[in-house]
C-alpha cells in the first residue's frame, strides 16, 4: 500500500483543509465566502469560518464583512508558505487541546514529550517553509494552464 492512499497525518488536523482553502482563494484570484470555500473543501461554513479566522489572525488572508463580504489572500500565492499555514493553524489547534491528569509521573512524561514534539514541530515548519502555495499549485495538473 502506498503512502498516498493511506494519507499522511502530520501537523494539526485542520492543516489540509486550511491549505486547500488558501489554494482555492489563490486559484479564484478574488474574494470567496466561507460557504463557497467550504463547498470546495468539503467542509461546513461555520467550521470554515473558524479556520479562516486563524488564517486572518496570521495575516495570510483578510476578510470583508457584510452581505457582499468574504475572504481574500493578503499576499500572493508565491509569498505564502505551507509553514506559514501550519503555524497559523497550529496556534488555533493548541487552544482546543484538553489537559489530562496522569499523576506526577504522567506530568513529567508530558513535559519531556512536549519538548520532543515541539522540536519536531519546529523542524516540520522549517521544512514546509520550502514550499509556497504557488509551487503546490504548479504540482497539481488540475491547476496547470493548457
N, C-alpha and C. Protein backbone atom coordinates (compact mmCIF):
# COMPACT_ATOMS: atom_id res chain seq x y z
N UNK A 1 0.85 -1.19 0.00
CA UNK A 1 0.00 0.00 0.00
C UNK A 1 0.89 1.24 0.00
N UNK A 2 0.60 2.17 -0.87
CA UNK A 2 1.41 3.39 -0.95
C UNK A 2 1.00 4.37 0.14
N UNK A 3 1.91 5.28 0.46
CA UNK A 3 1.60 6.27 1.49
C UNK A 3 0.52 7.23 1.03
N UNK A 4 0.44 7.45 -0.28
CA UNK A 4 -0.58 8.39 -0.79
C UNK A 4 -1.99 7.87 -0.53
N UNK A 5 -2.19 6.56 -0.62
CA UNK A 5 -3.54 6.03 -0.43
C UNK A 5 -3.92 5.97 1.05
N UNK A 6 -2.94 5.86 1.92
CA UNK A 6 -3.23 5.85 3.36
C UNK A 6 -3.45 7.24 3.90
N UNK A 7 -2.84 8.21 3.29
CA UNK A 7 -2.91 9.56 3.80
C UNK A 7 -1.85 9.78 4.87
N UNK A 8 -1.27 10.94 4.88
CA UNK A 8 -0.24 11.27 5.85
C UNK A 8 -0.82 12.32 6.78
N UNK A 9 -0.67 12.09 8.07
CA UNK A 9 -1.26 12.99 9.06
C UNK A 9 -0.16 13.62 9.90
N UNK A 10 0.44 14.67 9.36
CA UNK A 10 1.46 15.43 10.08
C UNK A 10 0.86 16.80 10.34
N UNK A 11 1.03 17.26 11.55
CA UNK A 11 0.55 18.60 11.86
C UNK A 11 -0.87 18.59 12.39
N UNK A 12 -1.38 19.77 12.62
CA UNK A 12 -2.73 19.93 13.17
C UNK A 12 -3.78 19.31 12.23
N UNK A 13 -4.87 18.81 12.79
CA UNK A 13 -5.91 18.18 11.97
C UNK A 13 -6.51 19.11 10.91
N UNK A 14 -6.49 20.39 11.14
CA UNK A 14 -7.10 21.34 10.21
C UNK A 14 -6.13 21.81 9.12
N UNK A 15 -4.91 21.32 9.13
CA UNK A 15 -3.88 21.80 8.21
C UNK A 15 -4.27 21.60 6.75
N UNK A 16 -4.67 20.41 6.37
CA UNK A 16 -5.01 20.15 4.97
C UNK A 16 -6.17 21.01 4.51
N UNK A 17 -7.17 21.16 5.35
CA UNK A 17 -8.33 21.99 4.99
C UNK A 17 -7.89 23.44 4.80
N UNK A 18 -7.04 23.93 5.68
CA UNK A 18 -6.56 25.31 5.57
C UNK A 18 -5.75 25.50 4.29
N UNK A 19 -4.91 24.52 3.95
CA UNK A 19 -4.11 24.62 2.72
C UNK A 19 -5.04 24.62 1.51
N UNK A 20 -6.02 23.72 1.51
CA UNK A 20 -6.98 23.69 0.41
C UNK A 20 -7.70 25.03 0.27
N UNK A 21 -8.10 25.61 1.39
CA UNK A 21 -8.80 26.90 1.36
C UNK A 21 -7.93 27.99 0.73
N UNK A 22 -6.66 28.03 1.12
CA UNK A 22 -5.76 29.05 0.58
C UNK A 22 -5.53 28.80 -0.91
N UNK A 23 -5.42 27.54 -1.31
CA UNK A 23 -5.27 27.23 -2.74
C UNK A 23 -6.48 27.71 -3.52
N UNK A 24 -7.70 27.47 -3.01
CA UNK A 24 -8.90 27.91 -3.71
C UNK A 24 -8.97 29.42 -3.79
N UNK A 25 -8.55 30.10 -2.74
CA UNK A 25 -8.51 31.57 -2.79
C UNK A 25 -7.52 32.04 -3.85
N UNK A 26 -6.36 31.39 -3.90
CA UNK A 26 -5.34 31.75 -4.89
C UNK A 26 -5.84 31.47 -6.30
N UNK A 27 -6.48 30.33 -6.49
CA UNK A 27 -6.99 29.96 -7.81
C UNK A 27 -8.07 30.94 -8.26
N UNK A 28 -8.94 31.34 -7.35
CA UNK A 28 -10.04 32.24 -7.72
C UNK A 28 -9.54 33.63 -8.06
N UNK A 29 -8.49 34.07 -7.35
CA UNK A 29 -7.99 35.41 -7.56
C UNK A 29 -8.94 36.49 -7.10
N UNK A 30 -9.97 36.09 -6.35
CA UNK A 30 -10.95 37.06 -5.89
C UNK A 30 -11.40 36.71 -4.47
N UNK A 31 -12.43 37.39 -4.02
CA UNK A 31 -12.97 37.16 -2.69
C UNK A 31 -13.99 36.01 -2.76
N UNK A 32 -13.91 35.10 -1.78
CA UNK A 32 -14.85 33.99 -1.68
C UNK A 32 -15.48 33.98 -0.30
N UNK A 33 -16.75 33.60 -0.22
CA UNK A 33 -17.41 33.48 1.07
C UNK A 33 -16.97 32.19 1.74
N UNK A 34 -17.20 32.09 3.04
CA UNK A 34 -16.87 30.85 3.75
C UNK A 34 -17.68 29.68 3.21
N UNK A 35 -18.91 29.94 2.77
CA UNK A 35 -19.74 28.87 2.19
C UNK A 35 -19.14 28.37 0.88
N UNK A 36 -18.64 29.28 0.05
CA UNK A 36 -18.02 28.89 -1.22
C UNK A 36 -16.76 28.05 -0.96
N UNK A 37 -15.93 28.50 -0.03
CA UNK A 37 -14.70 27.78 0.30
C UNK A 37 -15.05 26.42 0.89
N UNK A 38 -16.01 26.40 1.80
CA UNK A 38 -16.42 25.15 2.45
C UNK A 38 -16.90 24.12 1.43
N UNK A 39 -17.63 24.57 0.43
CA UNK A 39 -18.12 23.63 -0.59
C UNK A 39 -16.97 23.07 -1.42
N UNK A 40 -15.94 23.85 -1.63
CA UNK A 40 -14.78 23.39 -2.39
C UNK A 40 -13.92 22.39 -1.61
N UNK A 41 -13.87 22.54 -0.28
CA UNK A 41 -13.01 21.68 0.54
C UNK A 41 -13.81 20.64 1.31
N UNK A 42 -15.09 20.51 0.98
CA UNK A 42 -15.97 19.52 1.59
C UNK A 42 -16.02 19.66 3.11
N UNK A 43 -16.41 20.86 3.54
CA UNK A 43 -16.50 21.17 4.96
C UNK A 43 -17.76 21.99 5.20
N UNK A 44 -17.98 22.40 6.45
CA UNK A 44 -19.12 23.23 6.80
C UNK A 44 -18.68 24.69 6.90
N UNK A 45 -19.55 25.60 6.52
CA UNK A 45 -19.22 27.03 6.51
C UNK A 45 -18.84 27.54 7.91
N UNK A 46 -19.52 27.07 8.93
CA UNK A 46 -19.21 27.51 10.30
C UNK A 46 -17.79 27.09 10.69
N UNK A 47 -17.46 25.84 10.41
CA UNK A 47 -16.11 25.34 10.69
C UNK A 47 -15.08 26.11 9.86
N UNK A 48 -15.43 26.37 8.61
CA UNK A 48 -14.52 27.07 7.71
C UNK A 48 -14.24 28.47 8.22
N UNK A 49 -15.26 29.14 8.77
CA UNK A 49 -15.05 30.49 9.32
C UNK A 49 -14.04 30.45 10.46
N UNK A 50 -14.06 29.40 11.27
CA UNK A 50 -13.09 29.29 12.37
C UNK A 50 -11.67 29.10 11.82
N UNK A 51 -11.54 28.28 10.80
CA UNK A 51 -10.24 28.07 10.16
C UNK A 51 -9.77 29.38 9.53
N UNK A 52 -10.67 30.06 8.83
CA UNK A 52 -10.31 31.30 8.16
C UNK A 52 -9.94 32.39 9.17
N UNK A 53 -10.55 32.35 10.34
CA UNK A 53 -10.20 33.31 11.39
C UNK A 53 -8.73 33.14 11.79
N UNK A 54 -8.28 31.91 11.91
CA UNK A 54 -6.87 31.65 12.23
C UNK A 54 -5.95 32.17 11.13
N UNK A 55 -6.35 31.95 9.88
CA UNK A 55 -5.55 32.43 8.75
C UNK A 55 -5.54 33.95 8.69
N UNK A 56 -6.66 34.57 9.08
CA UNK A 56 -6.76 36.03 9.11
C UNK A 56 -5.85 36.59 10.21
N UNK A 57 -5.91 35.98 11.39
CA UNK A 57 -5.07 36.45 12.51
C UNK A 57 -3.59 36.32 12.19
N UNK A 58 -3.23 35.35 11.35
CA UNK A 58 -1.84 35.14 10.97
C UNK A 58 -1.41 36.04 9.81
N UNK A 59 -2.35 36.81 9.24
CA UNK A 59 -2.01 37.71 8.16
C UNK A 59 -1.91 37.05 6.79
N UNK A 60 -2.44 35.84 6.66
CA UNK A 60 -2.40 35.13 5.39
C UNK A 60 -3.57 35.54 4.51
N UNK A 61 -4.75 35.66 5.11
CA UNK A 61 -5.93 36.12 4.39
C UNK A 61 -6.48 37.35 5.09
N UNK A 62 -7.38 38.00 4.41
CA UNK A 62 -8.09 39.13 5.00
C UNK A 62 -9.56 38.90 4.74
N UNK A 63 -10.39 39.60 5.47
CA UNK A 63 -11.82 39.41 5.29
C UNK A 63 -12.54 40.74 5.18
N UNK A 64 -13.68 40.67 4.53
CA UNK A 64 -14.55 41.83 4.42
C UNK A 64 -15.92 41.37 4.91
N UNK A 65 -16.48 42.07 5.87
CA UNK A 65 -17.76 41.69 6.44
C UNK A 65 -18.93 42.13 5.59
N UNK A 66 -20.09 41.69 6.00
CA UNK A 66 -21.32 42.12 5.34
C UNK A 66 -21.81 41.16 4.28
N UNK A 67 -22.92 41.54 3.70
CA UNK A 67 -23.60 40.70 2.71
C UNK A 67 -22.72 40.37 1.51
N UNK A 68 -21.93 41.31 1.06
CA UNK A 68 -21.04 41.12 -0.10
C UNK A 68 -19.63 40.73 0.34
N UNK A 69 -19.48 40.32 1.60
CA UNK A 69 -18.16 40.04 2.15
C UNK A 69 -17.63 38.66 1.82
N UNK A 70 -16.44 38.41 2.34
CA UNK A 70 -15.79 37.13 2.14
C UNK A 70 -14.32 37.21 2.51
N UNK A 71 -13.56 36.28 2.00
CA UNK A 71 -12.14 36.18 2.31
C UNK A 71 -11.33 36.32 1.03
N UNK A 72 -10.13 36.89 1.16
CA UNK A 72 -9.21 37.02 0.03
C UNK A 72 -7.79 36.95 0.57
N UNK A 73 -6.86 36.58 -0.31
CA UNK A 73 -5.46 36.47 0.10
C UNK A 73 -4.88 37.85 0.36
N UNK A 74 -4.11 37.92 1.41
CA UNK A 74 -3.45 39.17 1.76
C UNK A 74 -2.13 39.33 0.99
N UNK A 75 -1.55 38.19 0.58
CA UNK A 75 -0.29 38.17 -0.17
C UNK A 75 -0.48 37.29 -1.39
N UNK A 76 0.49 37.30 -2.28
CA UNK A 76 0.41 36.43 -3.45
C UNK A 76 0.72 34.98 -3.01
N UNK A 77 0.27 34.05 -3.83
CA UNK A 77 0.48 32.63 -3.50
C UNK A 77 1.96 32.26 -3.47
N UNK A 78 2.80 33.03 -4.14
CA UNK A 78 4.24 32.75 -4.13
C UNK A 78 4.91 33.27 -2.86
N UNK A 79 4.18 34.02 -2.06
CA UNK A 79 4.72 34.54 -0.80
C UNK A 79 4.21 33.77 0.42
N UNK A 80 3.26 32.89 0.24
CA UNK A 80 2.67 32.14 1.35
C UNK A 80 3.25 30.73 1.35
N UNK A 81 3.91 30.36 2.45
CA UNK A 81 4.47 29.01 2.51
C UNK A 81 3.54 28.08 3.29
N UNK A 82 3.74 26.80 3.07
CA UNK A 82 2.98 25.81 3.83
C UNK A 82 3.31 25.94 5.32
N UNK A 83 4.53 26.36 5.62
CA UNK A 83 4.93 26.59 7.02
C UNK A 83 4.13 27.71 7.66
N UNK A 84 3.84 28.76 6.89
CA UNK A 84 3.02 29.87 7.39
C UNK A 84 1.63 29.36 7.80
N UNK A 85 1.07 28.52 6.94
CA UNK A 85 -0.27 27.99 7.20
C UNK A 85 -0.23 27.04 8.39
N UNK A 86 0.81 26.22 8.46
CA UNK A 86 0.98 25.29 9.60
C UNK A 86 0.98 26.07 10.90
N UNK A 87 1.78 27.13 10.96
CA UNK A 87 1.85 27.93 12.19
C UNK A 87 0.51 28.56 12.54
N UNK A 88 -0.20 29.07 11.56
CA UNK A 88 -1.49 29.71 11.81
C UNK A 88 -2.49 28.72 12.38
N UNK A 89 -2.55 27.54 11.82
CA UNK A 89 -3.50 26.52 12.24
C UNK A 89 -3.04 25.85 13.52
N UNK A 90 -1.75 25.74 13.70
CA UNK A 90 -1.20 25.12 14.91
C UNK A 90 -1.59 25.91 16.15
N UNK A 91 -1.50 27.22 16.08
CA UNK A 91 -1.86 28.03 17.25
C UNK A 91 -3.35 27.90 17.54
N UNK A 92 -4.16 27.77 16.49
CA UNK A 92 -5.60 27.55 16.63
C UNK A 92 -5.87 26.20 17.28
N UNK A 93 -5.15 25.17 16.86
CA UNK A 93 -5.37 23.81 17.37
C UNK A 93 -4.94 23.68 18.83
N UNK A 94 -3.84 24.34 19.20
CA UNK A 94 -3.36 24.22 20.58
C UNK A 94 -4.35 24.81 21.58
N UNK A 95 -5.12 25.80 21.16
CA UNK A 95 -6.10 26.40 22.06
C UNK A 95 -7.17 25.39 22.48
N UNK A 96 -7.46 24.43 21.61
CA UNK A 96 -8.55 23.49 21.86
C UNK A 96 -8.11 22.23 22.59
N UNK A 97 -6.81 22.05 22.84
CA UNK A 97 -6.34 20.83 23.48
C UNK A 97 -6.79 20.75 24.93
N UNK A 98 -7.11 19.54 25.35
CA UNK A 98 -7.53 19.31 26.73
C UNK A 98 -6.35 18.81 27.56
N UNK A 99 -6.35 19.17 28.82
CA UNK A 99 -5.35 18.67 29.75
C UNK A 99 -5.85 17.35 30.35
N UNK A 100 -4.95 16.38 30.45
CA UNK A 100 -5.31 15.09 31.04
C UNK A 100 -4.49 14.91 32.31
N UNK A 101 -5.15 14.55 33.41
CA UNK A 101 -4.47 14.34 34.69
C UNK A 101 -3.92 12.92 34.75
N UNK A 102 -2.57 12.80 34.67
CA UNK A 102 -1.92 11.49 34.65
C UNK A 102 -1.04 11.26 35.88
N UNK A 103 -1.21 12.08 36.90
CA UNK A 103 -0.37 11.95 38.08
C UNK A 103 1.00 12.58 37.86
N UNK A 104 1.88 12.48 38.90
CA UNK A 104 3.19 13.12 38.84
C UNK A 104 4.08 12.54 37.74
N UNK A 105 4.13 11.22 37.63
CA UNK A 105 4.96 10.59 36.59
C UNK A 105 4.42 10.97 35.21
N UNK A 106 3.11 11.00 35.09
CA UNK A 106 2.50 11.39 33.82
C UNK A 106 2.81 12.82 33.46
N UNK A 107 2.85 13.70 34.47
CA UNK A 107 3.19 15.10 34.23
C UNK A 107 4.62 15.23 33.73
N UNK A 108 5.55 14.48 34.33
CA UNK A 108 6.95 14.51 33.89
C UNK A 108 7.07 13.99 32.46
N UNK A 109 6.32 12.92 32.18
CA UNK A 109 6.31 12.37 30.83
C UNK A 109 5.79 13.40 29.85
N UNK A 110 4.71 14.07 30.22
CA UNK A 110 4.14 15.10 29.36
C UNK A 110 5.13 16.23 29.08
N UNK A 111 5.87 16.66 30.11
CA UNK A 111 6.84 17.74 29.94
C UNK A 111 7.91 17.33 28.93
N UNK A 112 8.46 16.13 29.09
CA UNK A 112 9.51 15.66 28.18
C UNK A 112 8.96 15.41 26.78
N UNK A 113 7.76 14.85 26.70
CA UNK A 113 7.14 14.60 25.41
C UNK A 113 6.86 15.91 24.68
N UNK A 114 6.41 16.91 25.41
CA UNK A 114 6.16 18.22 24.81
C UNK A 114 7.44 18.83 24.24
N UNK A 115 8.56 18.65 24.92
CA UNK A 115 9.85 19.16 24.42
C UNK A 115 10.18 18.51 23.07
N UNK A 116 10.01 17.19 23.00
CA UNK A 116 10.32 16.44 21.78
C UNK A 116 9.35 16.84 20.67
N UNK A 117 8.07 16.89 20.98
CA UNK A 117 7.07 17.25 19.97
C UNK A 117 7.25 18.68 19.48
N UNK A 118 7.64 19.57 20.38
CA UNK A 118 7.89 20.96 19.99
C UNK A 118 9.07 21.02 19.01
N UNK A 119 10.12 20.27 19.30
CA UNK A 119 11.28 20.23 18.41
C UNK A 119 10.88 19.66 17.03
N UNK A 120 10.09 18.60 17.03
CA UNK A 120 9.63 18.01 15.77
C UNK A 120 8.77 19.01 14.99
N UNK A 121 7.94 19.76 15.71
CA UNK A 121 7.10 20.75 15.06
C UNK A 121 7.93 21.85 14.43
N UNK A 122 8.97 22.31 15.11
CA UNK A 122 9.84 23.35 14.55
C UNK A 122 10.53 22.87 13.28
N UNK A 123 10.98 21.63 13.29
CA UNK A 123 11.63 21.05 12.10
C UNK A 123 10.62 20.94 10.96
N UNK A 124 9.40 20.52 11.28
CA UNK A 124 8.35 20.40 10.27
C UNK A 124 8.04 21.75 9.65
N UNK A 125 7.90 22.77 10.48
CA UNK A 125 7.59 24.11 9.98
C UNK A 125 8.70 24.60 9.05
N UNK A 126 9.95 24.41 9.45
CA UNK A 126 11.08 24.83 8.61
C UNK A 126 11.06 24.11 7.28
N UNK A 127 10.77 22.82 7.28
CA UNK A 127 10.67 22.05 6.04
C UNK A 127 9.55 22.60 5.16
N UNK A 128 8.38 22.85 5.74
CA UNK A 128 7.23 23.34 4.99
C UNK A 128 7.45 24.74 4.42
N UNK A 129 8.36 25.50 5.02
CA UNK A 129 8.67 26.84 4.51
C UNK A 129 9.37 26.77 3.14
N UNK A 130 9.82 25.60 2.74
CA UNK A 130 10.45 25.42 1.44
C UNK A 130 9.44 25.36 0.30
N UNK A 131 8.16 25.32 0.61
CA UNK A 131 7.12 25.17 -0.39
C UNK A 131 6.09 26.29 -0.26
N UNK A 132 5.83 26.95 -1.39
CA UNK A 132 4.81 28.00 -1.40
C UNK A 132 3.51 27.43 -1.97
N UNK A 133 2.45 28.17 -1.79
CA UNK A 133 1.16 27.79 -2.38
C UNK A 133 1.28 27.74 -3.89
N UNK A 134 1.99 28.69 -4.48
CA UNK A 134 2.17 28.70 -5.94
C UNK A 134 2.89 27.44 -6.41
N UNK A 135 3.92 27.00 -5.69
CA UNK A 135 4.63 25.78 -6.05
C UNK A 135 3.71 24.56 -5.93
N UNK A 136 2.91 24.51 -4.90
CA UNK A 136 1.98 23.41 -4.73
C UNK A 136 0.99 23.38 -5.88
N UNK A 137 0.46 24.54 -6.24
CA UNK A 137 -0.49 24.62 -7.34
C UNK A 137 0.15 24.17 -8.66
N UNK A 138 1.43 24.48 -8.86
CA UNK A 138 2.13 24.05 -10.07
C UNK A 138 2.27 22.53 -10.15
N UNK A 139 2.25 21.86 -8.99
CA UNK A 139 2.42 20.41 -8.96
C UNK A 139 1.10 19.67 -9.23
N UNK A 140 0.00 20.39 -9.23
CA UNK A 140 -1.31 19.76 -9.41
C UNK A 140 -1.77 20.02 -10.84
N UNK A 141 -1.98 18.97 -11.61
CA UNK A 141 -2.37 19.11 -13.01
C UNK A 141 -3.66 19.90 -13.20
N UNK A 142 -4.57 19.76 -12.27
CA UNK A 142 -5.86 20.45 -12.36
C UNK A 142 -5.68 21.95 -12.55
N UNK A 143 -4.63 22.50 -11.96
CA UNK A 143 -4.41 23.94 -11.98
C UNK A 143 -3.52 24.40 -13.12
N UNK A 144 -2.87 23.48 -13.83
CA UNK A 144 -1.94 23.87 -14.88
C UNK A 144 -2.70 24.45 -16.07
N UNK A 145 -2.12 25.48 -16.64
CA UNK A 145 -2.70 26.11 -17.83
C UNK A 145 -2.53 25.17 -19.01
N UNK A 146 -3.51 25.14 -19.87
CA UNK A 146 -3.43 24.27 -21.05
C UNK A 146 -3.16 25.06 -22.29
